[in-house]
């Protein structure tokens, strides 16, 4: 007797056990779609903020106008672009991390040890980059609170000058003598904005006049003592 053996050819599309090509494609597609939608929404919001609002310009809101300090166009655009760039960066990182996790799961890779390693590495980087994180957080709050902007004359512990550019980490200031100063936002502990308030420059008093003014009371006191002694 002859036994006939039938050999069935392997399927044309084969994939390793536990690997889901469909799941990978769906994860990448959803991640890209979420990133595009979030970027579009942030862009629209940034443009609206940069263009300003006419809500408080209506006739029945005129009584509120003195309490609101209107921002000039350049500063408003600068703030909107800074906040928009920050939001885009945060959304991009979050979407990339979440999409990568889903792709690794569909590749049948255990991500628990990877997450542990990334957490330990993040803690180490956080300890090493404390000053950098401090500068970024300070830059965010300076921008949101509108402490100063491009074109303002500010006074810090280090320098007095005009703000030429402002980022989340560094503020560039041109001092009165023309020098360019790069101030780390996290190191600016005290800042005075001469462009926001009603700054009145203090008149320069010569040193000789100051010495004369300071020594005058002492001279008068000596003359009084001499007269009393006589």
C-alpha atoms as a PDB file:
ATOM      1  CA  UNK A   1       0.000   0.000   0.000  1.00  0.00           C
ATOM      2  CA  UNK A   2       1.151   3.374  -0.857  1.00  0.00           C
ATOM      3  CA  UNK A   3       0.223   6.249   1.394  1.00  0.00           C
ATOM      4  CA  UNK A   4      -0.233   9.542  -0.244  1.00  0.00           C
ATOM      5  CA  UNK A   5       0.906  12.509   1.810  1.00  0.00           C
ATOM      6  CA  UNK A   6      -0.637  15.841   1.090  1.00  0.00           C
ATOM      7  CA  UNK A   7       1.544  18.827   1.753  1.00  0.00           C
ATOM      8  CA  UNK A   8      -0.338  22.055   2.211  1.00  0.00           C
ATOM      9  CA  UNK A   9       1.645  25.133   1.312  1.00  0.00           C
ATOM     10  CA  UNK A  10       2.092  27.756   4.056  1.00  0.00           C
ATOM     11  CA  UNK A  11      -0.083  30.820   3.862  1.00  0.00           C
ATOM     12  CA  UNK A  12       1.229  33.684   1.847  1.00  0.00           C
ATOM     13  CA  UNK A  13       1.034  36.124   4.739  1.00  0.00           C
ATOM     14  CA  UNK A  14       2.451  34.670   7.922  1.00  0.00           C
ATOM     15  CA  UNK A  15       3.303  36.561  11.075  1.00  0.00           C
ATOM     16  CA  UNK A  16       4.989  35.490  14.320  1.00  0.00           C
ATOM     17  CA  UNK A  17       2.848  34.262  17.169  1.00  0.00           C
ATOM     18  CA  UNK A  18       1.427  37.075  19.275  1.00  0.00           C
ATOM     19  CA  UNK A  19       2.273  39.815  16.754  1.00  0.00           C
ATOM     20  CA  UNK A  20      -0.708  41.785  15.513  1.00  0.00           C
ATOM     21  CA  UNK A  21       0.033  43.707  12.336  1.00  0.00           C
ATOM     22  CA  UNK A  22      -3.493  45.085  12.360  1.00  0.00           C
ATOM     23  CA  UNK A  23      -3.106  46.327  15.921  1.00  0.00           C
ATOM     24  CA  UNK A  24       0.181  48.038  15.051  1.00  0.00           C
ATOM     25  CA  UNK A  25      -1.393  49.753  12.053  1.00  0.00           C
ATOM     26  CA  UNK A  26      -4.388  50.882  14.110  1.00  0.00           C
ATOM     27  CA  UNK A  27      -2.152  52.190  16.922  1.00  0.00           C
ATOM     28  CA  UNK A  28       0.003  54.193  14.511  1.00  0.00           C
ATOM     29  CA  UNK A  29      -3.030  55.518  12.653  1.00  0.00           C
ATOM     30  CA  UNK A  30      -4.828  56.597  15.816  1.00  0.00           C
ATOM     31  CA  UNK A  31      -1.662  58.201  17.210  1.00  0.00           C
ATOM     32  CA  UNK A  32      -1.039  60.200  14.028  1.00  0.00           C
ATOM     33  CA  UNK A  33      -4.700  61.234  13.830  1.00  0.00           C
ATOM     34  CA  UNK A  34      -4.740  62.408  17.470  1.00  0.00           C
ATOM     35  CA  UNK A  35      -1.503  64.363  16.957  1.00  0.00           C
ATOM     36  CA  UNK A  36      -2.836  66.067  13.808  1.00  0.00           C
ATOM     37  CA  UNK A  37      -6.136  67.012  15.453  1.00  0.00           C
ATOM     38  CA  UNK A  38      -4.406  68.319  18.593  1.00  0.00           C
ATOM     39  CA  UNK A  39      -1.929  70.336  16.524  1.00  0.00           C
ATOM     40  CA  UNK A  40      -4.759  71.837  14.469  1.00  0.00           C
ATOM     41  CA  UNK A  41      -6.737  72.802  17.581  1.00  0.00           C
ATOM     42  CA  UNK A  42      -3.677  74.351  19.255  1.00  0.00           C
ATOM     43  CA  UNK A  43      -2.882  76.277  16.081  1.00  0.00           C
ATOM     44  CA  UNK A  44      -6.404  77.695  15.888  1.00  0.00           C
ATOM     45  CA  UNK A  45      -6.373  78.680  19.547  1.00  0.00           C
ATOM     46  CA  UNK A  46      -2.946  80.307  19.155  1.00  0.00           C
ATOM     47  CA  UNK A  47      -4.136  82.361  16.186  1.00  0.00           C
ATOM     48  CA  UNK A  48      -7.248  83.473  18.046  1.00  0.00           C
ATOM     49  CA  UNK A  49      -5.212  84.550  21.075  1.00  0.00           C
ATOM     50  CA  UNK A  50      -2.678  86.368  18.869  1.00  0.00           C
ATOM     51  CA  UNK A  51      -5.443  88.205  17.027  1.00  0.00           C
ATOM     52  CA  UNK A  52      -7.041  89.328  20.282  1.00  0.00           C
ATOM     53  CA  UNK A  53     -10.695  89.500  21.253  1.00  0.00           C
ATOM     54  CA  UNK A  54     -13.281  92.221  20.768  1.00  0.00           C
ATOM     55  CA  UNK A  55     -15.504  91.005  23.588  1.00  0.00           C
ATOM     56  CA  UNK A  56     -14.561  93.759  26.041  1.00  0.00           C
ATOM     57  CA  UNK A  57     -14.594  96.421  23.316  1.00  0.00           C
ATOM     58  CA  UNK A  58     -18.390  96.443  23.139  1.00  0.00           C
ATOM     59  CA  UNK A  59     -20.157  99.626  24.341  1.00  0.00           C
ATOM     60  CA  UNK A  60     -21.687  98.031  27.460  1.00  0.00           C
ATOM     61  CA  UNK A  61     -18.240  96.815  28.603  1.00  0.00           C
ATOM     62  CA  UNK A  62     -16.485 100.206  28.468  1.00  0.00           C
ATOM     63  CA  UNK A  63     -16.620 100.510  32.259  1.00  0.00           C
ATOM     64  CA  UNK A  64     -14.262  97.528  32.497  1.00  0.00           C
ATOM     65  CA  UNK A  65     -11.660  98.994  30.113  1.00  0.00           C
ATOM     66  CA  UNK A  66      -9.669 100.957  32.749  1.00  0.00           C
ATOM     67  CA  UNK A  67      -9.132  97.797  34.785  1.00  0.00           C
ATOM     68  CA  UNK A  68      -7.723  95.866  31.825  1.00  0.00           C
ATOM     69  CA  UNK A  69      -4.223  96.572  30.611  1.00  0.00           C
ATOM     70  CA  UNK A  70      -4.341  95.991  26.889  1.00  0.00           C
ATOM     71  CA  UNK A  71      -1.336  94.191  25.456  1.00  0.00           C
ATOM     72  CA  UNK A  72       0.304  95.476  22.331  1.00  0.00           C
ATOM     73  CA  UNK A  73       0.200  93.272  19.253  1.00  0.00           C
ATOM     74  CA  UNK A  74       3.847  92.125  19.373  1.00  0.00           C
ATOM     75  CA  UNK A  75       3.668  90.989  22.981  1.00  0.00           C
ATOM     76  CA  UNK A  76       0.351  89.218  22.472  1.00  0.00           C
ATOM     77  CA  UNK A  77       1.720  87.362  19.448  1.00  0.00           C
ATOM     78  CA  UNK A  78       4.898  86.442  21.327  1.00  0.00           C
ATOM     79  CA  UNK A  79       2.966  85.043  24.276  1.00  0.00           C
ATOM     80  CA  UNK A  80       0.598  83.100  22.034  1.00  0.00           C
ATOM     81  CA  UNK A  81       3.451  81.566  20.038  1.00  0.00           C
ATOM     82  CA  UNK A  82       5.356  80.607  23.193  1.00  0.00           C
ATOM     83  CA  UNK A  83       2.372  78.920  24.809  1.00  0.00           C
ATOM     84  CA  UNK A  84       1.411  77.247  21.500  1.00  0.00           C
ATOM     85  CA  UNK A  85       4.924  75.855  21.064  1.00  0.00           C
ATOM     86  CA  UNK A  86       4.889  74.538  24.638  1.00  0.00           C
ATOM     87  CA  UNK A  87       1.512  72.823  24.146  1.00  0.00           C
ATOM     88  CA  UNK A  88       2.637  71.292  20.845  1.00  0.00           C
ATOM     89  CA  UNK A  89       5.743  69.864  22.502  1.00  0.00           C
ATOM     90  CA  UNK A  90       3.764  68.374  25.402  1.00  0.00           C
ATOM     91  CA  UNK A  91       1.128  66.839  23.113  1.00  0.00           C
ATOM     92  CA  UNK A  92       3.775  65.448  20.762  1.00  0.00           C
ATOM     93  CA  UNK A  93       5.682  63.744  23.583  1.00  0.00           C
ATOM     94  CA  UNK A  94       2.536  62.283  25.147  1.00  0.00           C
ATOM     95  CA  UNK A  95       1.189  60.938  21.851  1.00  0.00           C
ATOM     96  CA  UNK A  96       4.572  59.450  20.910  1.00  0.00           C
ATOM     97  CA  UNK A  97       4.976  57.698  24.269  1.00  0.00           C
ATOM     98  CA  UNK A  98       1.446  56.262  24.335  1.00  0.00           C
ATOM     99  CA  UNK A  99       1.618  55.141  20.682  1.00  0.00           C
ATOM    100  CA  UNK A 100       4.980  53.447  21.269  1.00  0.00           C
ATOM    101  CA  UNK A 101       3.556  51.542  24.240  1.00  0.00           C
ATOM    102  CA  UNK A 102       0.638  50.217  22.192  1.00  0.00           C
ATOM    103  CA  UNK A 103       2.925  49.242  19.305  1.00  0.00           C
ATOM    104  CA  UNK A 104       5.208  47.303  21.658  1.00  0.00           C
ATOM    105  CA  UNK A 105       2.214  45.519  23.135  1.00  0.00           C
ATOM    106  CA  UNK A 106       1.072  44.481  19.659  1.00  0.00           C
ATOM    107  CA  UNK A 107       4.614  43.189  19.019  1.00  0.00           C
ATOM    108  CA  UNK A 108       4.132  40.895  22.031  1.00  0.00           C
ATOM    109  CA  UNK A 109       6.885  42.656  23.990  1.00  0.00           C
ATOM    110  CA  UNK A 110       6.625  42.854  27.755  1.00  0.00           C
ATOM    111  CA  UNK A 111       6.842  46.589  28.457  1.00  0.00           C
ATOM    112  CA  UNK A 112       6.848  46.312  32.262  1.00  0.00           C
ATOM    113  CA  UNK A 113      10.677  46.075  32.580  1.00  0.00           C
ATOM    114  CA  UNK A 114      11.010  48.799  29.958  1.00  0.00           C
ATOM    115  CA  UNK A 115       8.718  51.110  31.910  1.00  0.00           C
ATOM    116  CA  UNK A 116      10.706  50.415  35.070  1.00  0.00           C
ATOM    117  CA  UNK A 117      13.973  51.245  33.309  1.00  0.00           C
ATOM    118  CA  UNK A 118      12.520  54.404  31.779  1.00  0.00           C
ATOM    119  CA  UNK A 119      11.221  55.473  35.193  1.00  0.00           C
ATOM    120  CA  UNK A 120      14.620  55.023  36.812  1.00  0.00           C
ATOM    121  CA  UNK A 121      16.300  56.864  33.930  1.00  0.00           C
ATOM    122  CA  UNK A 122      13.737  59.672  34.179  1.00  0.00           C
ATOM    123  CA  UNK A 123      14.429  60.072  37.890  1.00  0.00           C
ATOM    124  CA  UNK A 124      18.182  60.222  37.249  1.00  0.00           C
ATOM    125  CA  UNK A 125      17.743  62.783  34.464  1.00  0.00           C
ATOM    126  CA  UNK A 126      15.372  64.782  36.663  1.00  0.00           C
ATOM    127  CA  UNK A 127      17.967  65.021  39.438  1.00  0.00           C
ATOM    128  CA  UNK A 128      20.655  66.030  36.940  1.00  0.00           C
ATOM    129  CA  UNK A 129      18.488  68.592  35.124  1.00  0.00           C
ATOM    130  CA  UNK A 130      16.885  70.318  38.096  1.00  0.00           C
ATOM    131  CA  UNK A 131      18.165  73.729  37.056  1.00  0.00           C
ATOM    132  CA  UNK A 132      16.965  73.228  33.468  1.00  0.00           C
ATOM    133  CA  UNK A 133      13.488  72.239  34.657  1.00  0.00           C
ATOM    134  CA  UNK A 134      13.479  75.226  37.006  1.00  0.00           C
ATOM    135  CA  UNK A 135      14.335  77.578  34.135  1.00  0.00           C
ATOM    136  CA  UNK A 136      11.556  76.142  31.954  1.00  0.00           C
ATOM    137  CA  UNK A 137       8.921  76.374  34.697  1.00  0.00           C
ATOM    138  CA  UNK A 138       9.955  79.957  35.477  1.00  0.00           C
ATOM    139  CA  UNK A 139       9.737  80.846  31.776  1.00  0.00           C
ATOM    140  CA  UNK A 140       6.235  79.372  31.572  1.00  0.00           C
ATOM    141  CA  UNK A 141       4.973  81.409  34.524  1.00  0.00           C
ATOM    142  CA  UNK A 142       6.704  84.597  33.308  1.00  0.00           C
ATOM    143  CA  UNK A 143       4.927  84.212  29.963  1.00  0.00           C
ATOM    144  CA  UNK A 144       1.512  83.314  31.374  1.00  0.00           C
ATOM    145  CA  UNK A 145       1.572  86.037  34.037  1.00  0.00           C
ATOM    146  CA  UNK A 146       2.918  88.617  31.543  1.00  0.00           C
ATOM    147  CA  UNK A 147       5.608  89.817  33.925  1.00  0.00           C
ATOM    148  CA  UNK A 148       7.477  91.340  30.974  1.00  0.00           C
ATOM    149  CA  UNK A 149       7.642  91.020  27.217  1.00  0.00           C
ATOM    150  CA  UNK A 150       9.674  91.986  24.180  1.00  0.00           C
ATOM    151  CA  UNK A 151      10.378  95.714  24.143  1.00  0.00           C
ATOM    152  CA  UNK A 152       9.904  96.249  27.891  1.00  0.00           C
ATOM    153  CA  UNK A 153      12.544  97.982  29.979  1.00  0.00           C
ATOM    154  CA  UNK A 154      13.210  95.770  32.975  1.00  0.00           C
ATOM    155  CA  UNK A 155      15.435  96.032  36.018  1.00  0.00           C
ATOM    156  CA  UNK A 156      16.884  92.934  37.664  1.00  0.00           C
ATOM    157  CA  UNK A 157      19.590  92.352  40.224  1.00  0.00           C
ATOM    158  CA  UNK A 158      22.115  91.981  37.413  1.00  0.00           C
ATOM    159  CA  UNK A 159      21.161  94.421  34.669  1.00  0.00           C
ATOM    160  CA  UNK A 160      18.846  97.201  33.507  1.00  0.00           C
ATOM    161  CA  UNK A 161      17.895  97.099  29.843  1.00  0.00           C
ATOM    162  CA  UNK A 162      15.429  96.337  27.060  1.00  0.00           C
ATOM    163  CA  UNK A 163      14.101  92.809  26.525  1.00  0.00           C
ATOM    164  CA  UNK A 164      15.061  91.751  22.990  1.00  0.00           C
ATOM    165  CA  UNK A 165      13.897  88.144  23.041  1.00  0.00           C
ATOM    166  CA  UNK A 166      12.273  85.831  25.517  1.00  0.00           C
ATOM    167  CA  UNK A 167      12.182  82.059  25.628  1.00  0.00           C
ATOM    168  CA  UNK A 168      11.215  79.410  28.120  1.00  0.00           C
ATOM    169  CA  UNK A 169      14.822  79.097  29.343  1.00  0.00           C
ATOM    170  CA  UNK A 170      16.660  82.318  28.485  1.00  0.00           C
ATOM    171  CA  UNK A 171      15.739  86.012  28.425  1.00  0.00           C
ATOM    172  CA  UNK A 172      17.997  88.225  26.307  1.00  0.00           C
ATOM    173  CA  UNK A 173      18.360  91.809  27.508  1.00  0.00           C
ATOM    174  CA  UNK A 174      20.291  94.718  25.973  1.00  0.00           C
ATOM    175  CA  UNK A 175      21.685  96.914  28.734  1.00  0.00           C
ATOM    176  CA  UNK A 176      22.114 100.679  28.626  1.00  0.00           C
ATOM    177  CA  UNK A 177      25.773 100.367  27.579  1.00  0.00           C
ATOM    178  CA  UNK A 178      24.873  98.138  24.603  1.00  0.00           C
ATOM    179  CA  UNK A 179      25.959  94.807  26.101  1.00  0.00           C
ATOM    180  CA  UNK A 180      23.757  91.749  25.540  1.00  0.00           C
ATOM    181  CA  UNK A 181      22.864  89.844  28.690  1.00  0.00           C
ATOM    182  CA  UNK A 182      21.495  86.295  28.697  1.00  0.00           C
ATOM    183  CA  UNK A 183      19.498  85.764  31.882  1.00  0.00           C
ATOM    184  CA  UNK A 184      18.325  82.307  32.921  1.00  0.00           C
ATOM    185  CA  UNK A 185      14.674  82.545  33.874  1.00  0.00           C
ATOM    186  CA  UNK A 186      15.136  80.401  36.963  1.00  0.00           C
ATOM    187  CA  UNK A 187      17.805  82.789  38.298  1.00  0.00           C
ATOM    188  CA  UNK A 188      15.638  85.926  38.005  1.00  0.00           C
ATOM    189  CA  UNK A 189      14.457  86.262  41.596  1.00  0.00           C
ATOM    190  CA  UNK A 190      13.361  89.896  41.389  1.00  0.00           C
ATOM    191  CA  UNK A 191      12.410  91.934  38.331  1.00  0.00           C
ATOM    192  CA  UNK A 192      10.973  95.400  37.919  1.00  0.00           C
ATOM    193  CA  UNK A 193       9.140  96.375  34.728  1.00  0.00           C
ATOM    194  CA  UNK A 194       9.589 100.072  34.004  1.00  0.00           C
ATOM    195  CA  UNK A 195       7.300  99.879  30.959  1.00  0.00           C
ATOM    196  CA  UNK A 196       4.240  98.650  32.864  1.00  0.00           C
ATOM    197  CA  UNK A 197       4.111 101.124  35.716  1.00  0.00           C
ATOM    198  CA  UNK A 198       4.574 104.886  35.916  1.00  0.00           C
ATOM    199  CA  UNK A 199       8.332 104.882  36.159  1.00  0.00           C
ATOM    200  CA  UNK A 200       9.953 108.224  36.976  1.00  0.00           C
ATOM    201  CA  UNK A 201      13.741 108.282  36.518  1.00  0.00           C
ATOM    202  CA  UNK A 202      15.696 109.426  39.541  1.00  0.00           C
ATOM    203  CA  UNK A 203      17.828 112.494  38.710  1.00  0.00           C
ATOM    204  CA  UNK A 204      21.548 111.904  38.784  1.00  0.00           C
ATOM    205  CA  UNK A 205      23.164 113.737  41.701  1.00  0.00           C
ATOM    206  CA  UNK A 206      26.947 114.355  41.479  1.00  0.00           C
ATOM    207  CA  UNK A 207      29.050 112.616  44.080  1.00  0.00           C
ATOM    208  CA  UNK A 208      30.486 115.927  45.334  1.00  0.00           C
ATOM    209  CA  UNK A 209      26.989 117.288  45.883  1.00  0.00           C
ATOM    210  CA  UNK A 210      26.014 114.138  47.774  1.00  0.00           C
ATOM    211  CA  UNK A 211      29.080 114.466  50.040  1.00  0.00           C
ATOM    212  CA  UNK A 212      28.278 118.137  50.678  1.00  0.00           C
ATOM    213  CA  UNK A 213      24.671 117.308  51.517  1.00  0.00           C
ATOM    214  CA  UNK A 214      25.732 114.546  53.882  1.00  0.00           C
ATOM    215  CA  UNK A 215      28.406 116.631  55.638  1.00  0.00           C
ATOM    216  CA  UNK A 216      26.249 119.739  56.043  1.00  0.00           C
ATOM    217  CA  UNK A 217      24.316 118.467  59.111  1.00  0.00           C
ATOM    218  CA  UNK A 218      27.560 117.442  60.830  1.00  0.00           C
ATOM    219  CA  UNK A 219      29.083 120.899  60.185  1.00  0.00           C
ATOM    220  CA  UNK A 220      26.035 122.654  61.591  1.00  0.00           C
ATOM    221  CA  UNK A 221      26.148 120.418  64.676  1.00  0.00           C
ATOM    222  CA  UNK A 222      29.811 121.316  65.292  1.00  0.00           C
ATOM    223  CA  UNK A 223      29.098 125.037  64.978  1.00  0.00           C
ATOM    224  CA  UNK A 224      26.247 124.715  67.450  1.00  0.00           C
ATOM    225  CA  UNK A 225      28.498 122.911  69.959  1.00  0.00           C
ATOM    226  CA  UNK A 226      31.205 125.591  69.630  1.00  0.00           C
ATOM    227  CA  UNK A 227      28.718 128.379  70.271  1.00  0.00           C
ATOM    228  CA  UNK A 228      27.371 126.567  73.276  1.00  0.00           C
ATOM    229  CA  UNK A 229      30.914 126.134  74.649  1.00  0.00           C
ATOM    230  CA  UNK A 230      31.656 129.818  74.324  1.00  0.00           C
END
